[in-house]
């Protein structure tokens, strides 16, 4: 693991200090990455979105601030602050920021046999 793939250890960090908002856009920062998965912090300005795509890994979306609409396998999920949603591997999904939003994406890789 490279140093840029992790936040400094043994220190408490605020979400805002780790990643600010990008004017009219989306920003992201990898907080930690290992062979078993990674945790990435995202910020979205109101109205920003990630178009439908598929991931080979299960993922957890934790809404830290604001609200998002997730579409997972054609099902719409309203995700306000303080919620967690699982997105299964291989299922098409998309994310839309209803408000200015901050989310933590946790990718969960299966161990190699």
PDB file of N, CA and C in Angstrom:
ATOM      1  N   UNK A   1       0.844  -1.178   0.000  1.00  0.00           N
ATOM      2  CA  UNK A   1       0.000   0.000   0.000  1.00  0.00           C
ATOM      3  C   UNK A   1       0.888   1.240   0.000  1.00  0.00           C
ATOM      4  N   UNK A   2       0.613   2.142  -0.895  1.00  0.00           N
ATOM      5  CA  UNK A   2       1.362   3.395  -0.984  1.00  0.00           C
ATOM      6  C   UNK A   2       0.815   4.399   0.018  1.00  0.00           C
ATOM      7  N   UNK A   3       1.674   5.320   0.448  1.00  0.00           N
ATOM      8  CA  UNK A   3       1.273   6.327   1.432  1.00  0.00           C
ATOM      9  C   UNK A   3       0.086   7.157   0.960  1.00  0.00           C
ATOM     10  N   UNK A   4      -0.020   7.405  -0.346  1.00  0.00           N
ATOM     11  CA  UNK A   4      -1.124   8.216  -0.842  1.00  0.00           C
ATOM     12  C   UNK A   4      -2.461   7.469  -0.806  1.00  0.00           C
ATOM     13  N   UNK A   5      -2.410   6.162  -0.491  1.00  0.00           N
ATOM     14  CA  UNK A   5      -3.624   5.362  -0.403  1.00  0.00           C
ATOM     15  C   UNK A   5      -4.153   5.262   1.024  1.00  0.00           C
ATOM     16  N   UNK A   6      -3.725   6.161   1.899  1.00  0.00           N
ATOM     17  CA  UNK A   6      -4.152   6.081   3.284  1.00  0.00           C
ATOM     18  C   UNK A   6      -4.049   7.443   3.959  1.00  0.00           C
ATOM     19  N   UNK A   7      -4.907   7.651   4.954  1.00  0.00           N
ATOM     20  CA  UNK A   7      -4.784   8.850   5.790  1.00  0.00           C
ATOM     21  C   UNK A   7      -3.771   8.554   6.892  1.00  0.00           C
ATOM     22  N   UNK A   8      -3.197   9.573   7.502  1.00  0.00           N
ATOM     23  CA  UNK A   8      -2.228   9.339   8.566  1.00  0.00           C
ATOM     24  C   UNK A   8      -2.856   8.547   9.714  1.00  0.00           C
ATOM     25  N   UNK A   9      -2.100   7.597  10.279  1.00  0.00           N
ATOM     26  CA  UNK A   9      -2.630   6.785  11.379  1.00  0.00           C
ATOM     27  C   UNK A   9      -2.567   7.514  12.715  1.00  0.00           C
ATOM     28  N   UNK A  10      -3.272   6.943  13.679  1.00  0.00           N
ATOM     29  CA  UNK A  10      -3.236   7.388  15.073  1.00  0.00           C
ATOM     30  C   UNK A  10      -3.560   8.868  15.222  1.00  0.00           C
ATOM     31  N   UNK A  11      -4.544   9.328  14.451  1.00  0.00           N
ATOM     32  CA  UNK A  11      -4.999  10.721  14.534  1.00  0.00           C
ATOM     33  C   UNK A  11      -6.483  10.755  14.207  1.00  0.00           C
ATOM     34  N   UNK A  12      -7.213  11.634  14.894  1.00  0.00           N
ATOM     35  CA  UNK A  12      -8.643  11.820  14.612  1.00  0.00           C
ATOM     36  C   UNK A  12      -8.785  12.890  13.536  1.00  0.00           C
ATOM     37  N   UNK A  13      -9.558  12.591  12.514  1.00  0.00           N
ATOM     38  CA  UNK A  13      -9.736  13.502  11.383  1.00  0.00           C
ATOM     39  C   UNK A  13     -11.212  13.857  11.248  1.00  0.00           C
ATOM     40  N   UNK A  14     -11.526  15.081  10.900  1.00  0.00           N
ATOM     41  CA  UNK A  14     -12.913  15.438  10.597  1.00  0.00           C
ATOM     42  C   UNK A  14     -13.137  15.204   9.107  1.00  0.00           C
ATOM     43  N   UNK A  15     -14.384  14.909   8.757  1.00  0.00           N
ATOM     44  CA  UNK A  15     -14.703  14.704   7.339  1.00  0.00           C
ATOM     45  C   UNK A  15     -14.352  15.948   6.531  1.00  0.00           C
ATOM     46  N   UNK A  16     -14.676  17.115   7.054  1.00  0.00           N
ATOM     47  CA  UNK A  16     -14.429  18.369   6.336  1.00  0.00           C
ATOM     48  C   UNK A  16     -12.939  18.612   6.127  1.00  0.00           C
ATOM     49  N   UNK A  17     -12.104  18.247   7.105  1.00  0.00           N
ATOM     50  CA  UNK A  17     -10.658  18.419   6.937  1.00  0.00           C
ATOM     51  C   UNK A  17     -10.088  17.444   5.909  1.00  0.00           C
ATOM     52  N   UNK A  18     -10.702  16.277   5.792  1.00  0.00           N
ATOM     53  CA  UNK A  18     -10.206  15.282   4.847  1.00  0.00           C
ATOM     54  C   UNK A  18     -10.547  15.623   3.403  1.00  0.00           C
ATOM     55  N   UNK A  19     -11.714  16.248   3.191  1.00  0.00           N
ATOM     56  CA  UNK A  19     -12.123  16.547   1.817  1.00  0.00           C
ATOM     57  C   UNK A  19     -13.171  17.649   1.800  1.00  0.00           C
ATOM     58  N   UNK A  20     -12.880  18.712   1.081  1.00  0.00           N
ATOM     59  CA  UNK A  20     -13.836  19.794   0.902  1.00  0.00           C
ATOM     60  C   UNK A  20     -14.696  19.564  -0.326  1.00  0.00           C
ATOM     61  N   UNK A  21     -15.603  20.478  -0.547  1.00  0.00           N
ATOM     62  CA  UNK A  21     -16.476  20.420  -1.721  1.00  0.00           C
ATOM     63  C   UNK A  21     -15.787  21.051  -2.915  1.00  0.00           C
ATOM     64  N   UNK A  22     -16.041  20.502  -4.098  1.00  0.00           N
ATOM     65  CA  UNK A  22     -15.530  21.060  -5.350  1.00  0.00           C
ATOM     66  C   UNK A  22     -16.641  21.908  -5.954  1.00  0.00           C
ATOM     67  N   UNK A  23     -16.335  23.133  -6.329  1.00  0.00           N
ATOM     68  CA  UNK A  23     -17.345  24.021  -6.920  1.00  0.00           C
ATOM     69  C   UNK A  23     -17.980  23.347  -8.137  1.00  0.00           C
ATOM     70  N   UNK A  24     -19.298  23.164  -8.092  1.00  0.00           N
ATOM     71  CA  UNK A  24     -20.070  22.620  -9.217  1.00  0.00           C
ATOM     72  C   UNK A  24     -19.615  21.222  -9.634  1.00  0.00           C
ATOM     73  N   UNK A  25     -19.147  20.410  -8.674  1.00  0.00           N
ATOM     74  CA  UNK A  25     -18.646  19.104  -9.079  1.00  0.00           C
ATOM     75  C   UNK A  25     -18.664  18.053  -7.990  1.00  0.00           C
ATOM     76  N   UNK A  26     -17.828  17.043  -8.216  1.00  0.00           N
ATOM     77  CA  UNK A  26     -17.663  15.914  -7.314  1.00  0.00           C
ATOM     78  C   UNK A  26     -16.185  15.826  -6.963  1.00  0.00           C
ATOM     79  N   UNK A  27     -15.891  15.596  -5.694  1.00  0.00           N
ATOM     80  CA  UNK A  27     -14.508  15.391  -5.263  1.00  0.00           C
ATOM     81  C   UNK A  27     -14.434  14.050  -4.538  1.00  0.00           C
ATOM     82  N   UNK A  28     -13.246  13.428  -4.559  1.00  0.00           N
ATOM     83  CA  UNK A  28     -13.074  12.164  -3.844  1.00  0.00           C
ATOM     84  C   UNK A  28     -11.662  12.057  -3.295  1.00  0.00           C
ATOM     85  N   UNK A  29     -11.544  11.251  -2.239  1.00  0.00           N
ATOM     86  CA  UNK A  29     -10.243  10.989  -1.628  1.00  0.00           C
ATOM     87  C   UNK A  29     -10.263   9.593  -1.036  1.00  0.00           C
ATOM     88  N   UNK A  30      -9.282   8.776  -1.403  1.00  0.00           N
ATOM     89  CA  UNK A  30      -9.128   7.454  -0.816  1.00  0.00           C
ATOM     90  C   UNK A  30      -8.615   7.637   0.604  1.00  0.00           C
ATOM     91  N   UNK A  31      -9.326   7.061   1.573  1.00  0.00           N
ATOM     92  CA  UNK A  31      -8.916   7.158   2.969  1.00  0.00           C
ATOM     93  C   UNK A  31      -7.996   6.001   3.357  1.00  0.00           C
ATOM     94  N   UNK A  32      -8.282   4.826   2.814  1.00  0.00           N
ATOM     95  CA  UNK A  32      -7.429   3.664   3.069  1.00  0.00           C
ATOM     96  C   UNK A  32      -7.735   2.597   2.031  1.00  0.00           C
ATOM     97  N   UNK A  33      -6.694   1.890   1.609  1.00  0.00           N
ATOM     98  CA  UNK A  33      -6.841   0.869   0.575  1.00  0.00           C
ATOM     99  C   UNK A  33      -6.006  -0.345   0.964  1.00  0.00           C
ATOM    100  N   UNK A  34      -6.630  -1.518   0.889  1.00  0.00           N
ATOM    101  CA  UNK A  34      -5.932  -2.775   1.142  1.00  0.00           C
ATOM    102  C   UNK A  34      -6.380  -3.786   0.094  1.00  0.00           C
ATOM    103  N   UNK A  35      -5.826  -4.970   0.132  1.00  0.00           N
ATOM    104  CA  UNK A  35      -6.258  -6.023  -0.780  1.00  0.00           C
ATOM    105  C   UNK A  35      -7.690  -6.452  -0.551  1.00  0.00           C
ATOM    106  N   UNK A  36      -8.221  -6.184   0.641  1.00  0.00           N
ATOM    107  CA  UNK A  36      -9.592  -6.573   0.969  1.00  0.00           C
ATOM    108  C   UNK A  36     -10.628  -5.531   0.651  1.00  0.00           C
ATOM    109  N   UNK A  37     -10.195  -4.339   0.227  1.00  0.00           N
ATOM    110  CA  UNK A  37     -11.154  -3.299  -0.115  1.00  0.00           C
ATOM    111  C   UNK A  37     -10.581  -1.923   0.123  1.00  0.00           C
ATOM    112  N   UNK A  38     -11.449  -0.925   0.032  1.00  0.00           N
ATOM    113  CA  UNK A  38     -11.002   0.439   0.284  1.00  0.00           C
ATOM    114  C   UNK A  38     -12.163   1.280   0.795  1.00  0.00           C
ATOM    115  N   UNK A  39     -11.788   2.412   1.377  1.00  0.00           N
ATOM    116  CA  UNK A  39     -12.764   3.391   1.850  1.00  0.00           C
ATOM    117  C   UNK A  39     -12.445   4.710   1.165  1.00  0.00           C
ATOM    118  N   UNK A  40     -13.424   5.273   0.472  1.00  0.00           N
ATOM    119  CA  UNK A  40     -13.237   6.515  -0.267  1.00  0.00           C
ATOM    120  C   UNK A  40     -14.303   7.515   0.161  1.00  0.00           C
ATOM    121  N   UNK A  41     -13.854   8.721   0.459  1.00  0.00           N
ATOM    122  CA  UNK A  41     -14.741   9.818   0.837  1.00  0.00           C
ATOM    123  C   UNK A  41     -15.080  10.613  -0.415  1.00  0.00           C
ATOM    124  N   UNK A  42     -16.365  10.941  -0.605  1.00  0.00           N
ATOM    125  CA  UNK A  42     -16.833  11.727  -1.746  1.00  0.00           C
ATOM    126  C   UNK A  42     -17.596  12.946  -1.262  1.00  0.00           C
ATOM    127  N   UNK A  43     -17.514  14.037  -2.006  1.00  0.00           N
ATOM    128  CA  UNK A  43     -18.418  15.174  -1.825  1.00  0.00           C
ATOM    129  C   UNK A  43     -19.068  15.466  -3.167  1.00  0.00           C
ATOM    130  N   UNK A  44     -20.346  15.805  -3.119  1.00  0.00           N
ATOM    131  CA  UNK A  44     -21.138  16.108  -4.311  1.00  0.00           C
ATOM    132  C   UNK A  44     -21.820  17.450  -4.113  1.00  0.00           C
ATOM    133  N   UNK A  45     -21.726  18.311  -5.082  1.00  0.00           N
ATOM    134  CA  UNK A  45     -22.548  19.515  -5.069  1.00  0.00           C
ATOM    135  C   UNK A  45     -23.963  19.115  -5.473  1.00  0.00           C
ATOM    136  N   UNK A  46     -24.950  19.895  -5.069  1.00  0.00           N
ATOM    137  CA  UNK A  46     -26.345  19.648  -5.400  1.00  0.00           C
ATOM    138  C   UNK A  46     -26.501  19.399  -6.897  1.00  0.00           C
ATOM    139  N   UNK A  47     -27.191  18.322  -7.242  1.00  0.00           N
ATOM    140  CA  UNK A  47     -27.467  18.010  -8.637  1.00  0.00           C
ATOM    141  C   UNK A  47     -26.399  17.196  -9.333  1.00  0.00           C
ATOM    142  N   UNK A  48     -25.266  16.939  -8.687  1.00  0.00           N
ATOM    143  CA  UNK A  48     -24.215  16.127  -9.305  1.00  0.00           C
ATOM    144  C   UNK A  48     -24.576  14.650  -9.192  1.00  0.00           C
ATOM    145  N   UNK A  49     -24.043  13.833 -10.097  1.00  0.00           N
ATOM    146  CA  UNK A  49     -24.415  12.426 -10.123  1.00  0.00           C
ATOM    147  C   UNK A  49     -23.284  11.565 -10.666  1.00  0.00           C
ATOM    148  N   UNK A  50     -23.346  10.289 -10.323  1.00  0.00           N
ATOM    149  CA  UNK A  50     -22.520   9.268 -10.957  1.00  0.00           C
ATOM    150  C   UNK A  50     -23.480   8.420 -11.779  1.00  0.00           C
ATOM    151  N   UNK A  51     -23.233   8.339 -13.074  1.00  0.00           N
ATOM    152  CA  UNK A  51     -24.141   7.613 -13.959  1.00  0.00           C
ATOM    153  C   UNK A  51     -24.086   6.110 -13.676  1.00  0.00           C
ATOM    154  N   UNK A  52     -25.076   5.414 -14.204  1.00  0.00           N
ATOM    155  CA  UNK A  52     -25.197   3.986 -13.940  1.00  0.00           C
ATOM    156  C   UNK A  52     -23.934   3.240 -14.360  1.00  0.00           C
ATOM    157  N   UNK A  53     -23.476   2.367 -13.471  1.00  0.00           N
ATOM    158  CA  UNK A  53     -22.308   1.539 -13.720  1.00  0.00           C
ATOM    159  C   UNK A  53     -22.425   0.279 -12.869  1.00  0.00           C
ATOM    160  N   UNK A  54     -21.490  -0.641 -13.064  1.00  0.00           N
ATOM    161  CA  UNK A  54     -21.482  -1.907 -12.328  1.00  0.00           C
ATOM    162  C   UNK A  54     -20.120  -2.058 -11.671  1.00  0.00           C
ATOM    163  N   UNK A  55     -20.109  -2.581 -10.460  1.00  0.00           N
ATOM    164  CA  UNK A  55     -18.866  -2.861  -9.749  1.00  0.00           C
ATOM    165  C   UNK A  55     -18.754  -4.364  -9.512  1.00  0.00           C
ATOM    166  N   UNK A  56     -17.545  -4.899  -9.584  1.00  0.00           N
ATOM    167  CA  UNK A  56     -17.384  -6.333  -9.308  1.00  0.00           C
ATOM    168  C   UNK A  56     -17.402  -6.671  -7.819  1.00  0.00           C
ATOM    169  N   UNK A  57     -17.540  -5.647  -6.958  1.00  0.00           N
ATOM    170  CA  UNK A  57     -17.485  -5.843  -5.515  1.00  0.00           C
ATOM    171  C   UNK A  57     -18.733  -5.285  -4.844  1.00  0.00           C
ATOM    172  N   UNK A  58     -19.132  -5.888  -3.718  1.00  0.00           N
ATOM    173  CA  UNK A  58     -20.160  -5.291  -2.880  1.00  0.00           C
ATOM    174  C   UNK A  58     -19.634  -3.960  -2.353  1.00  0.00           C
ATOM    175  N   UNK A  59     -20.537  -3.031  -2.097  1.00  0.00           N
ATOM    176  CA  UNK A  59     -20.143  -1.738  -1.553  1.00  0.00           C
ATOM    177  C   UNK A  59     -21.191  -1.263  -0.557  1.00  0.00           C
ATOM    178  N   UNK A  60     -20.719  -0.489   0.419  1.00  0.00           N
ATOM    179  CA  UNK A  60     -21.598   0.183   1.372  1.00  0.00           C
ATOM    180  C   UNK A  60     -21.488   1.679   1.124  1.00  0.00           C
ATOM    181  N   UNK A  61     -22.635   2.349   1.025  1.00  0.00           N
ATOM    182  CA  UNK A  61     -22.691   3.801   0.870  1.00  0.00           C
ATOM    183  C   UNK A  61     -23.224   4.367   2.180  1.00  0.00           C
ATOM    184  N   UNK A  62     -22.401   5.181   2.849  1.00  0.00           N
ATOM    185  CA  UNK A  62     -22.783   5.804   4.113  1.00  0.00           C
ATOM    186  C   UNK A  62     -22.942   7.298   3.859  1.00  0.00           C
ATOM    187  N   UNK A  63     -24.148   7.822   4.067  1.00  0.00           N
ATOM    188  CA  UNK A  63     -24.413   9.241   3.843  1.00  0.00           C
ATOM    189  C   UNK A  63     -24.073   9.992   5.126  1.00  0.00           C
ATOM    190  N   UNK A  64     -23.055  10.828   5.040  1.00  0.00           N
ATOM    191  CA  UNK A  64     -22.555  11.566   6.198  1.00  0.00           C
ATOM    192  C   UNK A  64     -23.195  12.944   6.323  1.00  0.00           C
ATOM    193  N   UNK A  65     -23.639  13.487   5.190  1.00  0.00           N
ATOM    194  CA  UNK A  65     -24.182  14.856   5.148  1.00  0.00           C
ATOM    195  C   UNK A  65     -25.046  14.972   3.897  1.00  0.00           C
ATOM    196  N   UNK A  66     -26.172  15.639   3.993  1.00  0.00           N
ATOM    197  CA  UNK A  66     -27.044  15.817   2.835  1.00  0.00           C
ATOM    198  C   UNK A  66     -27.888  14.581   2.577  1.00  0.00           C
ATOM    199  N   UNK A  67     -28.280  14.407   1.330  1.00  0.00           N
ATOM    200  CA  UNK A  67     -29.115  13.268   0.938  1.00  0.00           C
ATOM    201  C   UNK A  67     -28.812  12.905  -0.503  1.00  0.00           C
ATOM    202  N   UNK A  68     -28.977  11.615  -0.807  1.00  0.00           N
ATOM    203  CA  UNK A  68     -28.759  11.136  -2.164  1.00  0.00           C
ATOM    204  C   UNK A  68     -29.885  10.202  -2.562  1.00  0.00           C
ATOM    205  N   UNK A  69     -30.100  10.102  -3.865  1.00  0.00           N
ATOM    206  CA  UNK A  69     -30.986   9.094  -4.417  1.00  0.00           C
ATOM    207  C   UNK A  69     -30.099   8.074  -5.105  1.00  0.00           C
ATOM    208  N   UNK A  70     -30.215   6.832  -4.663  1.00  0.00           N
ATOM    209  CA  UNK A  70     -29.463   5.732  -5.259  1.00  0.00           C
ATOM    210  C   UNK A  70     -30.430   4.918  -6.110  1.00  0.00           C
ATOM    211  N   UNK A  71     -29.983   4.479  -7.253  1.00  0.00           N
ATOM    212  CA  UNK A  71     -30.768   3.558  -8.067  1.00  0.00           C
ATOM    213  C   UNK A  71     -29.948   2.282  -8.157  1.00  0.00           C
ATOM    214  N   UNK A  72     -30.493   1.196  -7.605  1.00  0.00           N
ATOM    215  CA  UNK A  72     -29.767  -0.065  -7.510  1.00  0.00           C
ATOM    216  C   UNK A  72     -30.620  -1.145  -8.162  1.00  0.00           C
ATOM    217  N   UNK A  73     -30.158  -1.653  -9.298  1.00  0.00           N
ATOM    218  CA  UNK A  73     -30.921  -2.672 -10.007  1.00  0.00           C
ATOM    219  C   UNK A  73     -32.312  -2.204 -10.377  1.00  0.00           C
ATOM    220  N   UNK A  74     -32.441  -0.916 -10.715  1.00  0.00           N
ATOM    221  CA  UNK A  74     -33.723  -0.344 -11.099  1.00  0.00           C
ATOM    222  C   UNK A  74     -34.582   0.112  -9.933  1.00  0.00           C
ATOM    223  N   UNK A  75     -34.171  -0.152  -8.711  1.00  0.00           N
ATOM    224  CA  UNK A  75     -34.928   0.246  -7.517  1.00  0.00           C
ATOM    225  C   UNK A  75     -34.380   1.569  -6.985  1.00  0.00           C
ATOM    226  N   UNK A  76     -35.261   2.528  -6.727  1.00  0.00           N
ATOM    227  CA  UNK A  76     -34.877   3.839  -6.200  1.00  0.00           C
ATOM    228  C   UNK A  76     -34.840   3.795  -4.679  1.00  0.00           C
ATOM    229  N   UNK A  77     -33.734   4.287  -4.117  1.00  0.00           N
ATOM    230  CA  UNK A  77     -33.554   4.323  -2.666  1.00  0.00           C
ATOM    231  C   UNK A  77     -33.231   5.759  -2.263  1.00  0.00           C
ATOM    232  N   UNK A  78     -34.078   6.357  -1.415  1.00  0.00           N
ATOM    233  CA  UNK A  78     -33.791   7.681  -0.858  1.00  0.00           C
ATOM    234  C   UNK A  78     -32.881   7.468   0.337  1.00  0.00           C
ATOM    235  N   UNK A  79     -31.702   8.098   0.332  1.00  0.00           N
ATOM    236  CA  UNK A  79     -30.708   7.897   1.388  1.00  0.00           C
ATOM    237  C   UNK A  79     -30.358   9.235   2.036  1.00  0.00           C
ATOM    238  N   UNK A  80     -30.983   9.565   3.175  1.00  0.00           N
ATOM    239  CA  UNK A  80     -30.670  10.813   3.878  1.00  0.00           C
ATOM    240  C   UNK A  80     -29.456  10.654   4.796  1.00  0.00           C
ATOM    241  N   UNK A  81     -29.044  11.741   5.411  1.00  0.00           N
ATOM    242  CA  UNK A  81     -27.939  11.749   6.371  1.00  0.00           C
ATOM    243  C   UNK A  81     -28.123  10.653   7.423  1.00  0.00           C
ATOM    244  N   UNK A  82     -27.031   9.948   7.711  1.00  0.00           N
ATOM    245  CA  UNK A  82     -27.055   8.938   8.760  1.00  0.00           C
ATOM    246  C   UNK A  82     -27.480   7.562   8.316  1.00  0.00           C
ATOM    247  N   UNK A  83     -27.650   7.343   7.003  1.00  0.00           N
ATOM    248  CA  UNK A  83     -28.078   6.028   6.528  1.00  0.00           C
ATOM    249  C   UNK A  83     -26.929   5.298   5.844  1.00  0.00           C
ATOM    250  N   UNK A  84     -27.065   3.985   5.776  1.00  0.00           N
ATOM    251  CA  UNK A  84     -26.122   3.136   5.057  1.00  0.00           C
ATOM    252  C   UNK A  84     -26.924   2.236   4.122  1.00  0.00           C
ATOM    253  N   UNK A  85     -26.432   2.073   2.894  1.00  0.00           N
ATOM    254  CA  UNK A  85     -27.104   1.257   1.883  1.00  0.00           C
ATOM    255  C   UNK A  85     -26.079   0.317   1.273  1.00  0.00           C
ATOM    256  N   UNK A  86     -26.448  -0.962   1.109  1.00  0.00           N
ATOM    257  CA  UNK A  86     -25.549  -1.921   0.457  1.00  0.00           C
ATOM    258  C   UNK A  86     -25.882  -2.008  -1.026  1.00  0.00           C
ATOM    259  N   UNK A  87     -24.844  -1.931  -1.841  1.00  0.00           N
ATOM    260  CA  UNK A  87     -24.984  -2.121  -3.281  1.00  0.00           C
ATOM    261  C   UNK A  87     -24.285  -3.432  -3.635  1.00  0.00           C
ATOM    262  N   UNK A  88     -25.042  -4.436  -4.092  1.00  0.00           N
ATOM    263  CA  UNK A  88     -24.440  -5.732  -4.384  1.00  0.00           C
ATOM    264  C   UNK A  88     -23.546  -5.709  -5.626  1.00  0.00           C
ATOM    265  N   UNK A  89     -22.550  -6.566  -5.625  1.00  0.00           N
ATOM    266  CA  UNK A  89     -21.659  -6.716  -6.777  1.00  0.00           C
ATOM    267  C   UNK A  89     -22.449  -7.137  -8.009  1.00  0.00           C
ATOM    268  N   UNK A  90     -22.053  -6.619  -9.152  1.00  0.00           N
ATOM    269  CA  UNK A  90     -22.642  -7.029 -10.418  1.00  0.00           C
ATOM    270  C   UNK A  90     -24.005  -6.442 -10.725  1.00  0.00           C
ATOM    271  N   UNK A  91     -24.539  -5.601  -9.855  1.00  0.00           N
ATOM    272  CA  UNK A  91     -25.860  -4.999 -10.060  1.00  0.00           C
ATOM    273  C   UNK A  91     -25.670  -3.541 -10.483  1.00  0.00           C
ATOM    274  N   UNK A  92     -26.259  -3.122 -11.609  1.00  0.00           N
ATOM    275  CA  UNK A  92     -26.110  -1.721 -12.041  1.00  0.00           C
ATOM    276  C   UNK A  92     -26.639  -0.760 -10.977  1.00  0.00           C
ATOM    277  N   UNK A  93     -25.884   0.335 -10.779  1.00  0.00           N
ATOM    278  CA  UNK A  93     -26.303   1.339  -9.792  1.00  0.00           C
ATOM    279  C   UNK A  93     -25.859   2.726 -10.238  1.00  0.00           C
ATOM    280  N   UNK A  94     -26.561   3.737  -9.724  1.00  0.00           N
ATOM    281  CA  UNK A  94     -26.258   5.141 -10.012  1.00  0.00           C
ATOM    282  C   UNK A  94     -26.522   5.935  -8.743  1.00  0.00           C
ATOM    283  N   UNK A  95     -25.879   7.115  -8.634  1.00  0.00           N
ATOM    284  CA  UNK A  95     -26.035   7.965  -7.454  1.00  0.00           C
ATOM    285  C   UNK A  95     -26.303   9.391  -7.894  1.00  0.00           C
ATOM    286  N   UNK A  96     -27.304  10.030  -7.272  1.00  0.00           N
ATOM    287  CA  UNK A  96     -27.658  11.418  -7.558  1.00  0.00           C
ATOM    288  C   UNK A  96     -27.745  12.194  -6.249  1.00  0.00           C
ATOM    289  N   UNK A  97     -27.063  13.338  -6.189  1.00  0.00           N
ATOM    290  CA  UNK A  97     -27.105  14.182  -4.992  1.00  0.00           C
ATOM    291  C   UNK A  97     -28.361  15.036  -5.016  1.00  0.00           C
ATOM    292  N   UNK A  98     -29.248  14.806  -4.056  1.00  0.00           N
ATOM    293  CA  UNK A  98     -30.460  15.617  -3.929  1.00  0.00           C
ATOM    294  C   UNK A  98     -30.104  16.987  -3.369  1.00  0.00           C
ATOM    295  N   UNK A  99     -29.156  16.998  -2.473  1.00  0.00           N
ATOM    296  CA  UNK A  99     -28.640  18.198  -1.822  1.00  0.00           C
ATOM    297  C   UNK A  99     -27.120  18.100  -1.916  1.00  0.00           C
ATOM    298  N   UNK A 100     -26.452  19.125  -1.462  1.00  0.00           N
ATOM    299  CA  UNK A 100     -24.998  19.011  -1.283  1.00  0.00           C
ATOM    300  C   UNK A 100     -24.797  17.823  -0.340  1.00  0.00           C
ATOM    301  N   UNK A 101     -23.912  16.894  -0.706  1.00  0.00           N
ATOM    302  CA  UNK A 101     -23.804  15.660   0.071  1.00  0.00           C
ATOM    303  C   UNK A 101     -22.356  15.219   0.241  1.00  0.00           C
ATOM    304  N   UNK A 102     -22.134  14.529   1.365  1.00  0.00           N
ATOM    305  CA  UNK A 102     -20.835  13.919   1.659  1.00  0.00           C
ATOM    306  C   UNK A 102     -21.123  12.452   1.960  1.00  0.00           C
ATOM    307  N   UNK A 103     -20.413  11.542   1.292  1.00  0.00           N
ATOM    308  CA  UNK A 103     -20.653  10.121   1.509  1.00  0.00           C
ATOM    309  C   UNK A 103     -19.343   9.363   1.612  1.00  0.00           C
ATOM    310  N   UNK A 104     -19.390   8.264   2.340  1.00  0.00           N
ATOM    311  CA  UNK A 104     -18.276   7.347   2.462  1.00  0.00           C
ATOM    312  C   UNK A 104     -18.644   6.092   1.690  1.00  0.00           C
ATOM    313  N   UNK A 105     -17.791   5.699   0.745  1.00  0.00           N
ATOM    314  CA  UNK A 105     -17.992   4.481  -0.041  1.00  0.00           C
ATOM    315  C   UNK A 105     -16.987   3.448   0.446  1.00  0.00           C
ATOM    316  N   UNK A 106     -17.498   2.308   0.892  1.00  0.00           N
ATOM    317  CA  UNK A 106     -16.644   1.228   1.371  1.00  0.00           C
ATOM    318  C   UNK A 106     -16.798   0.057   0.409  1.00  0.00           C
ATOM    319  N   UNK A 107     -15.727  -0.246  -0.316  1.00  0.00           N
ATOM    320  CA  UNK A 107     -15.721  -1.361  -1.267  1.00  0.00           C
ATOM    321  C   UNK A 107     -15.220  -2.607  -0.537  1.00  0.00           C
ATOM    322  N   UNK A 108     -15.923  -3.716  -0.695  1.00  0.00           N
ATOM    323  CA  UNK A 108     -15.604  -4.950   0.004  1.00  0.00           C
ATOM    324  C   UNK A 108     -15.215  -6.034  -1.001  1.00  0.00           C
ATOM    325  N   UNK A 109     -13.938  -6.301  -1.104  1.00  0.00           N
ATOM    326  CA  UNK A 109     -13.451  -7.326  -2.039  1.00  0.00           C
ATOM    327  C   UNK A 109     -13.436  -8.679  -1.357  1.00  0.00           C
ATOM    328  N   UNK A 110     -13.771  -9.706  -2.115  1.00  0.00           N
ATOM    329  CA  UNK A 110     -13.686 -11.072  -1.613  1.00  0.00           C
ATOM    330  C   UNK A 110     -12.215 -11.485  -1.589  1.00  0.00           C
ATOM    331  N   UNK A 111     -11.771 -12.209  -0.551  1.00  0.00           N
ATOM    332  CA  UNK A 111     -10.385 -12.687  -0.540  1.00  0.00           C
ATOM    333  C   UNK A 111     -10.143 -13.655  -1.691  1.00  0.00           C
ATOM    334  N   UNK A 112      -8.947 -13.614  -2.241  1.00  0.00           N
ATOM    335  CA  UNK A 112      -8.597 -14.539  -3.317  1.00  0.00           C
ATOM    336  C   UNK A 112      -8.349 -15.922  -2.731  1.00  0.00           C
ATOM    337  N   UNK A 113      -8.852 -16.927  -3.435  1.00  0.00           N
ATOM    338  CA  UNK A 113      -8.712 -18.312  -2.945  1.00  0.00           C
ATOM    339  C   UNK A 113      -7.285 -18.791  -3.074  1.00  0.00           C
TER     340      UNK A 113
END
